[in-house]
C-alpha atoms as a PDB file:
ATOM      1  CA  MET A   1     130.616 133.354  -0.506  1.00  0.00           C
ATOM      2  CA  THR A   2     127.912 135.558  -0.295  1.00  0.00           C
ATOM      3  CA  GLN A   3     125.216 134.721   2.117  1.00  0.00           C
ATOM      4  CA  PRO A   4     121.428 136.032   2.587  1.00  0.00           C
ATOM      5  CA  LEU A   5     121.041 139.005   5.454  1.00  0.00           C
ATOM      6  CA  MET A   6     118.928 136.157   7.175  1.00  0.00           C
ATOM      7  CA  PRO A   7     120.161 133.032   6.872  1.00  0.00           C
ATOM      8  CA  HIS A   8     118.232 130.611   9.047  1.00  0.00           C
ATOM      9  CA  ALA A   9     115.291 132.721   8.269  1.00  0.00           C
ATOM     10  CA  THR A  10     115.678 132.387   4.471  1.00  0.00           C
ATOM     11  CA  ALA A  11     116.482 129.058   5.002  1.00  0.00           C
ATOM     12  CA  SER A  12     112.953 128.438   6.784  1.00  0.00           C
ATOM     13  CA  TRP A  13     111.000 129.903   3.997  1.00  0.00           C
ATOM     14  CA  LEU A  14     112.913 127.822   1.392  1.00  0.00           C
ATOM     15  CA  VAL A  15     112.100 124.506   3.470  1.00  0.00           C
ATOM     16  CA  ASP A  16     108.578 125.472   3.676  1.00  0.00           C
ATOM     17  CA  ASN A  17     107.979 126.795   0.067  1.00  0.00           C
ATOM     18  CA  THR A  18     110.431 125.232  -2.243  1.00  0.00           C
ATOM     19  CA  ALA A  19     111.535 121.557  -3.155  1.00  0.00           C
ATOM     20  CA  LEU A  20     114.882 122.545  -2.976  1.00  0.00           C
ATOM     21  CA  SER A  21     117.256 119.720  -1.165  1.00  0.00           C
ATOM     22  CA  PHE A  22     118.459 120.700   2.282  1.00  0.00           C
ATOM     23  CA  GLU A  23     121.914 120.457   0.786  1.00  0.00           C
ATOM     24  CA  GLN A  24     121.522 122.872  -1.459  1.00  0.00           C
ATOM     25  CA  ILE A  25     119.676 125.164   1.047  1.00  0.00           C
ATOM     26  CA  ALA A  26     122.426 124.664   3.353  1.00  0.00           C
ATOM     27  CA  ASP A  27     124.882 125.710   0.706  1.00  0.00           C
ATOM     28  CA  PHE A  28     123.037 128.830  -0.373  1.00  0.00           C
ATOM     29  CA  CYS A  29     122.213 130.265   2.693  1.00  0.00           C
ATOM     30  CA  GLY A  30     126.098 129.278   4.444  1.00  0.00           C
ATOM     31  CA  LEU A  31     124.636 126.853   7.125  1.00  0.00           C
ATOM     32  CA  HIS A  32     125.442 123.329   8.047  1.00  0.00           C
ATOM     33  CA  ILE A  33     123.052 121.096   6.579  1.00  0.00           C
ATOM     34  CA  LEU A  34     122.131 119.524   9.987  1.00  0.00           C
ATOM     35  CA  GLU A  35     120.785 123.440  10.848  1.00  0.00           C
ATOM     36  CA  VAL A  36     118.289 123.027   8.165  1.00  0.00           C
ATOM     37  CA  GLN A  37     117.449 119.567   8.970  1.00  0.00           C
ATOM     38  CA  ALA A  38     116.555 120.888  12.713  1.00  0.00           C
ATOM     39  CA  ILE A  39     114.438 123.941  11.185  1.00  0.00           C
ATOM     40  CA  ALA A  40     112.437 121.398   8.431  1.00  0.00           C
ATOM     41  CA  ASP A  41     111.997 119.239  11.739  1.00  0.00           C
ATOM     42  CA  ASP A  42     111.094 122.367  13.927  1.00  0.00           C
ATOM     43  CA  THR A  43     113.558 121.146  16.594  1.00  0.00           C
ATOM     44  CA  ALA A  44     115.748 124.380  16.094  1.00  0.00           C
ATOM     45  CA  ALA A  45     116.344 126.470  18.968  1.00  0.00           C
ATOM     46  CA  THR A  46     114.774 129.395  17.979  1.00  0.00           C
ATOM     47  CA  LYS A  47     110.970 129.234  16.255  1.00  0.00           C
ATOM     48  CA  LEU A  48     111.771 131.135  13.148  1.00  0.00           C
ATOM     49  CA  THR A  49     109.620 133.338  10.596  1.00  0.00           C
ATOM     50  CA  GLY A  50     110.570 132.554   7.055  1.00  0.00           C
ATOM     51  CA  ARG A  51     112.158 135.370   5.057  1.00  0.00           C
ATOM     52  CA  ASP A  52     111.113 135.577   1.268  1.00  0.00           C
ATOM     53  CA  PRO A  53     114.446 135.671  -0.236  1.00  0.00           C
ATOM     54  CA  VAL A  54     112.816 136.872  -3.874  1.00  0.00           C
ATOM     55  CA  ARG A  55     110.821 139.795  -2.050  1.00  0.00           C
ATOM     56  CA  ALA A  56     114.439 140.489  -0.982  1.00  0.00           C
ATOM     57  CA  HIS A  57     115.866 140.301  -4.444  1.00  0.00           C
ATOM     58  CA  GLU A  58     118.657 137.549  -3.293  1.00  0.00           C
ATOM     59  CA  LEU A  59     117.069 135.137  -5.545  1.00  0.00           C
ATOM     60  CA  THR A  60     114.827 134.782  -8.400  1.00  0.00           C
ATOM     61  CA  MET A  61     112.453 131.868  -9.267  1.00  0.00           C
ATOM     62  CA  GLU A  62     114.166 131.220 -12.070  1.00  0.00           C
ATOM     63  CA  GLU A  63     117.252 130.430  -9.847  1.00  0.00           C
ATOM     64  CA  ILE A  64     114.963 128.396  -7.351  1.00  0.00           C
ATOM     65  CA  GLU A  65     113.155 126.405 -10.701  1.00  0.00           C
ATOM     66  CA  LYS A  66     116.753 125.539 -11.780  1.00  0.00           C
ATOM     67  CA  GLY A  67     117.177 123.591  -8.623  1.00  0.00           C
ATOM     68  CA  GLN A  68     114.280 122.112  -8.069  1.00  0.00           C
ATOM     69  CA  ALA A  69     114.708 120.213 -11.644  1.00  0.00           C
ATOM     70  CA  ASN A  70     118.761 119.568 -10.450  1.00  0.00           C
ATOM     71  CA  PRO A  71     119.450 118.740  -7.249  1.00  0.00           C
ATOM     72  CA  ASP A  72     123.162 118.996  -7.972  1.00  0.00           C
ATOM     73  CA  TYR A  73     122.728 122.779  -9.173  1.00  0.00           C
ATOM     74  CA  ARG A  74     124.044 125.305  -6.659  1.00  0.00           C
ATOM     75  CA  LEU A  75     121.929 128.612  -6.416  1.00  0.00           C
ATOM     76  CA  LYS A  76     123.660 131.908  -7.441  1.00  0.00           C
ATOM     77  CA  MET A  77     122.358 134.974  -5.347  1.00  0.00           C
ATOM     78  CA  GLN A  78     120.831 137.481  -7.375  1.00  0.00           C
ATOM     79  CA  LYS A  79     122.268 140.422  -5.350  1.00  0.00           C
ATOM     80  CA  GLY A  80     124.266 140.060  -1.626  1.00  0.00           C
ATOM     81  CA  PRO A  81     123.334 141.934   1.237  1.00  0.00           C
ATOM     82  CA  GLU A  82     125.759 145.038   2.526  1.00  0.00           C
ATOM     83  CA  GLN A  83     127.929 142.889   4.947  1.00  0.00           C
ATOM     84  CA  VAL A  84     128.518 145.320   7.856  1.00  0.00           C
ATOM     85  CA  ARG A  85     130.957 143.826  10.792  1.00  0.00           C
ATOM     86  CA  ARG A  86     131.914 144.333  13.729  1.00  0.00           C
ATOM     87  CA  THR A  87     135.756 145.317  14.334  1.00  0.00           C
ATOM     88  CA  LYS A  88     135.907 145.297  17.756  1.00  0.00           C
ATOM     89  CA  GLY A  89     134.451 143.999  21.053  1.00  0.00           C
ATOM     90  CA  PRO A  90     133.399 140.519  21.802  1.00  0.00           C
ATOM     91  CA  ARG A  91     130.711 138.362  19.722  1.00  0.00           C
ATOM     92  CA  TYR A  92     127.287 139.581  20.660  1.00  0.00           C
ATOM     93  CA  THR A  93     125.078 136.798  22.185  1.00  0.00           C
ATOM     94  CA  PRO A  94     121.260 137.799  22.806  1.00  0.00           C
ATOM     95  CA  VAL A  95     120.593 138.477  26.362  1.00  0.00           C
ATOM     96  CA  SER A  96     118.364 135.167  26.479  1.00  0.00           C
ATOM     97  CA  LYS A  97     121.034 132.687  25.881  1.00  0.00           C
ATOM     98  CA  ARG A  98     124.081 134.125  27.762  1.00  0.00           C
ATOM     99  CA  GLN A  99     122.919 131.898  30.702  1.00  0.00           C
ATOM    100  CA  ASP A 100     123.983 129.013  28.401  1.00  0.00           C
ATOM    101  CA  LYS A 101     127.513 130.055  27.820  1.00  0.00           C
ATOM    102  CA  PRO A 102     129.042 128.190  30.817  1.00  0.00           C
ATOM    103  CA  ASP A 103     127.407 125.080  29.322  1.00  0.00           C
ATOM    104  CA  GLY A 104     128.630 125.553  25.875  1.00  0.00           C
ATOM    105  CA  ILE A 105     132.300 126.577  27.359  1.00  0.00           C
ATOM    106  CA  ALA A 106     132.152 122.836  29.421  1.00  0.00           C
ATOM    107  CA  TRP A 107     131.310 121.188  26.512  1.00  0.00           C
ATOM    108  CA  ILE A 108     134.099 122.525  24.404  1.00  0.00           C
ATOM    109  CA  ILE A 109     136.524 122.279  27.284  1.00  0.00           C
ATOM    110  CA  ARG A 110     135.731 118.590  27.524  1.00  0.00           C
ATOM    111  CA  ASN A 111     135.511 117.137  24.024  1.00  0.00           C
ATOM    112  CA  HIS A 112     138.080 119.485  22.253  1.00  0.00           C
ATOM    113  CA  PRO A 113     140.703 120.619  25.065  1.00  0.00           C
ATOM    114  CA  GLU A 114     143.217 121.428  21.967  1.00  0.00           C
ATOM    115  CA  ILE A 115     140.866 124.557  21.341  1.00  0.00           C
ATOM    116  CA  SER A 116     142.465 127.314  23.226  1.00  0.00           C
ATOM    117  CA  ASP A 117     140.846 130.034  25.458  1.00  0.00           C
ATOM    118  CA  GLY A 118     140.980 132.808  22.989  1.00  0.00           C
ATOM    119  CA  GLN A 119     139.583 130.464  20.385  1.00  0.00           C
ATOM    120  CA  ILE A 120     136.535 129.706  22.961  1.00  0.00           C
ATOM    121  CA  GLY A 121     136.207 133.383  23.545  1.00  0.00           C
ATOM    122  CA  LYS A 122     135.481 134.300  19.878  1.00  0.00           C
ATOM    123  CA  LEU A 123     133.720 131.529  19.463  1.00  0.00           C
ATOM    124  CA  ILE A 124     131.059 131.857  22.102  1.00  0.00           C
ATOM    125  CA  GLY A 125     131.526 135.517  23.038  1.00  0.00           C
ATOM    126  CA  THR A 126     133.195 135.296  26.697  1.00  0.00           C
ATOM    127  CA  THR A 127     136.387 136.059  28.782  1.00  0.00           C
ATOM    128  CA  ARG A 128     139.187 134.442  29.319  1.00  0.00           C
ATOM    129  CA  THR A 129     138.832 134.794  33.185  1.00  0.00           C
ATOM    130  CA  THR A 130     135.262 132.740  32.740  1.00  0.00           C
ATOM    131  CA  ILE A 131     136.770 130.367  30.682  1.00  0.00           C
ATOM    132  CA  GLN A 132     139.690 129.782  33.269  1.00  0.00           C
ATOM    133  CA  ALA A 133     137.371 129.706  35.634  1.00  0.00           C
ATOM    134  CA  ILE A 134     135.354 127.107  34.279  1.00  0.00           C
ATOM    135  CA  ARG A 135     138.296 124.594  33.430  1.00  0.00           C
ATOM    136  CA  GLU A 136     139.599 124.978  36.890  1.00  0.00           C
ATOM    137  CA  ARG A 137     136.189 124.239  38.110  1.00  0.00           C
ATOM    138  CA  SER A 138     136.569 127.419  40.643  1.00  0.00           C
ATOM    139  CA  HIS A 139     133.385 129.397  38.763  1.00  0.00           C
ATOM    140  CA  TRP A 140     130.621 130.146  41.229  1.00  0.00           C
ATOM    141  CA  ASN A 141     127.901 128.318  39.534  1.00  0.00           C
ATOM    142  CA  ILE A 142     129.892 125.524  38.621  1.00  0.00           C
ATOM    143  CA  ALA A 143     127.532 122.930  40.679  1.00  0.00           C
ATOM    144  CA  ASN A 144     124.496 123.597  37.986  1.00  0.00           C
ATOM    145  CA  ILE A 145     127.270 123.990  34.770  1.00  0.00           C
ATOM    146  CA  VAL A 146     126.443 120.797  32.323  1.00  0.00           C
ATOM    147  CA  PRO A 147     128.315 120.292  29.422  1.00  0.00           C
ATOM    148  CA  LYS A 148     125.943 121.107  26.226  1.00  0.00           C
ATOM    149  CA  ASP A 149     126.872 121.239  22.237  1.00  0.00           C
ATOM    150  CA  PRO A 150     127.017 125.250  22.141  1.00  0.00           C
ATOM    151  CA  VAL A 151     125.563 124.432  18.269  1.00  0.00           C
ATOM    152  CA  THR A 152     122.156 123.102  19.959  1.00  0.00           C
ATOM    153  CA  LEU A 153     122.145 126.106  22.477  1.00  0.00           C
ATOM    154  CA  GLY A 154     122.655 128.524  19.475  1.00  0.00           C
ATOM    155  CA  LEU A 155     125.534 129.946  20.434  1.00  0.00           C
ATOM    156  CA  CYS A 156     127.502 129.289  17.438  1.00  0.00           C
ATOM    157  CA  SER A 157     126.567 127.855  14.286  1.00  0.00           C
ATOM    158  CA  GLN A 158     128.332 124.204  13.286  1.00  0.00           C
ATOM    159  CA  ARG A 159     130.034 125.825  10.475  1.00  0.00           C
ATOM    160  CA  GLU A 160     131.828 127.838  12.620  1.00  0.00           C
ATOM    161  CA  LEU A 161     132.473 125.147  15.487  1.00  0.00           C
ATOM    162  CA  ASP A 162     134.076 122.849  12.550  1.00  0.00           C
ATOM    163  CA  ALA A 163     136.310 125.541  11.517  1.00  0.00           C
ATOM    164  CA  ILE A 164     138.060 125.994  14.732  1.00  0.00           C
ATOM    165  CA  VAL A 165     138.117 122.729  15.671  1.00  0.00           C
ATOM    166  CA  ALA A 166     139.985 121.752  12.617  1.00  0.00           C
ATOM    167  CA  LYS A 167     142.158 124.860  12.985  1.00  0.00           C
ATOM    168  CA  ALA A 168     142.989 123.792  16.492  1.00  0.00           C
ATOM    169  CA  ALA A 169     143.724 120.569  15.494  1.00  0.00           C
ATOM    170  CA  LYS A 170     145.879 121.634  12.619  1.00  0.00           C
ATOM    171  CA  ALA A 171     148.073 124.034  15.139  1.00  0.00           C
ATOM    172  CA  ALA A 172     148.151 120.853  17.624  1.00  0.00           C
ATOM    173  CA  GLY A 173     149.664 118.365  15.069  1.00  0.00           C
ATOM    174  CA  ILE A 174     146.720 116.350  15.505  1.00  0.00           C
ATOM    175  CA  GLU A 175     144.108 114.472  13.175  1.00  0.00           C
ATOM    176  CA  ALA A 176     140.475 116.786  13.543  1.00  0.00           C
ATOM    177  CA  PRO A 177     137.637 114.870  13.926  1.00  0.00           C
ATOM    178  CA  THR A 178     135.632 113.608  11.168  1.00  0.00           C
ATOM    179  CA  ASP A 179     131.679 114.647  11.382  1.00  0.00           C
ATOM    180  CA  THR A 180     130.437 111.079  10.664  1.00  0.00           C
ATOM    181  CA  ARG A 181     126.729 111.840  11.326  1.00  0.00           C
ATOM    182  CA  LEU A 182     125.929 112.704   7.461  1.00  0.00           C
ATOM    183  CA  GLU A 183     127.455 109.494   6.181  1.00  0.00           C
ATOM    184  CA  GLY A 184     125.035 108.042   3.812  1.00  0.00           C
ATOM    185  CA  ASP A 185     122.205 110.383   5.078  1.00  0.00           C
ATOM    186  CA  ARG A 186     122.861 113.068   2.253  1.00  0.00           C
ATOM    187  CA  GLU A 187     122.711 110.323  -0.665  1.00  0.00           C
ATOM    188  CA  ALA A 188     119.811 109.022   1.312  1.00  0.00           C
ATOM    189  CA  LEU A 189     117.715 112.246   2.040  1.00  0.00           C
ATOM    190  CA  ILE A 190     118.350 113.261  -1.732  1.00  0.00           C
ATOM    191  CA  SER A 191     117.544 109.592  -2.703  1.00  0.00           C
ATOM    192  CA  GLU A 192     114.035 110.208  -0.381  1.00  0.00           C
ATOM    193  CA  LEU A 193     112.978 113.728  -1.963  1.00  0.00           C
ATOM    194  CA  ARG A 194     113.681 112.419  -5.077  1.00  0.00           C
ATOM    195  CA  ALA A 195     111.098 109.594  -4.355  1.00  0.00           C
ATOM    196  CA  GLU A 196     108.456 111.572  -2.891  1.00  0.00           C
ATOM    197  CA  ARG A 197     108.381 113.992  -5.915  1.00  0.00           C
ATOM    198  CA  GLU A 198     107.956 111.151  -8.378  1.00  0.00           C
ATOM    199  CA  GLN A 199     105.384 109.680  -5.736  1.00  0.00           C
ATOM    200  CA  ALA A 200     103.699 112.487  -5.707  1.00  0.00           C
ATOM    201  CA  ALA A 201     103.429 112.908  -9.735  1.00  0.00           C
ATOM    202  CA  ARG A 202     102.050 109.520  -9.767  1.00  0.00           C
ATOM    203  CA  ASP A 203      99.625 110.085  -7.505  1.00  0.00           C
ATOM    204  CA  ALA A 204      98.476 113.353  -9.541  1.00  0.00           C
ATOM    205  CA  GLU A 205      98.269 111.484 -12.629  1.00  0.00           C
ATOM    206  CA  ALA A 206      96.553 108.275 -11.793  1.00  0.00           C
ATOM    207  CA  ALA A 207      94.112 110.928 -10.147  1.00  0.00           C
ATOM    208  CA  ALA A 208      93.576 112.336 -13.478  1.00  0.00           C
ATOM    209  CA  ASP A 209      93.468 109.282 -15.301  1.00  0.00           C
ATOM    210  CA  ALA A 210      90.713 108.101 -12.889  1.00  0.00           C
ATOM    211  CA  GLU A 211      88.569 111.022 -13.036  1.00  0.00           C
ATOM    212  CA  GLN A 212      88.801 110.907 -16.874  1.00  0.00           C
ATOM    213  CA  ALA A 213      87.724 107.048 -17.065  1.00  0.00           C
ATOM    214  CA  GLY A 214      84.868 108.060 -14.843  1.00  0.00           C
ATOM    215  CA  ASP A 215      83.641 110.565 -16.891  1.00  0.00           C
ATOM    216  CA  GLY A 216      83.716 108.212 -20.247  1.00  0.00           C
ATOM    217  CA  GLU A 217      82.111 105.585 -18.466  1.00  0.00           C
ATOM    218  CA  ALA A 218      79.509 108.114 -17.297  1.00  0.00           C
ATOM    219  CA  GLU A 219      78.802 109.108 -20.946  1.00  0.00           C
ATOM    220  CA  ALA A 220      79.180 105.499 -22.194  1.00  0.00           C
ATOM    221  CA  LYS A 221      76.436 104.367 -19.852  1.00  0.00           C
ATOM    222  CA  PRO A 222      72.925 103.601 -21.809  1.00  0.00           C
ATOM    223  CA  LYS A 223      70.155 104.362 -20.304  1.00  0.00           C
ATOM    224  CA  PHE A 224      67.310 101.841 -20.237  1.00  0.00           C
ATOM    225  CA  GLU A 225      63.560 102.935 -19.972  1.00  0.00           C
ATOM    226  CA  ASP A 226      61.418 101.620 -17.132  1.00  0.00           C
ATOM    227  CA  PRO A 227      58.925  99.782 -18.823  1.00  0.00           C
ATOM    228  CA  PHE A 228      56.488 100.230 -15.731  1.00  0.00           C
ATOM    229  CA  ALA A 229      57.080 104.043 -15.684  1.00  0.00           C
ATOM    230  CA  ARG A 230      54.101 104.209 -18.552  1.00  0.00           C
END
């Protein structure tokens, strides 16, 4: 599926400016629902500036309105950006995050030993020498390496990690671990959003009714003349 040019920034804009569910935003932007939730909760690794997909001609307001009216509706991109992909060289990682690579590698080695060095290198953007040094605990900075989830560190997306874990498990002939963090959460989240929208509509209607009732009472209230005023 074609994704927006800047998925995380687009997701940030949709969270702030629409009533779309996290699942709809994640599906449109090609992200994991937990990444969208982190953006909404301001707990993402990087503070994002929203990017308007309507102005970028990637999404129409009609599509957004359809999605807001039906939580099961999947947004359709109007025009996808031209994809320019690197065909050679290691995965690029921003300079500010390169120091976190050993922590992410250590986390994968500890939690998913079935993943090969080649797969780790492609996912994190590092060399086999570095990975082997961490495996053998001969890395120059091994005393300060603390295993941390590479998704939390911003080194890869949850979807990329899940795909590699599933592929490695299949090659090793073992059952891929199931992500149970969202069991029940998705339906609960959708129900909560629906309840919030319905409550907001009821509050607005009640406020309008109260305002109309107040105006009616003011008009119907008789005016008594003060006999002592004369």
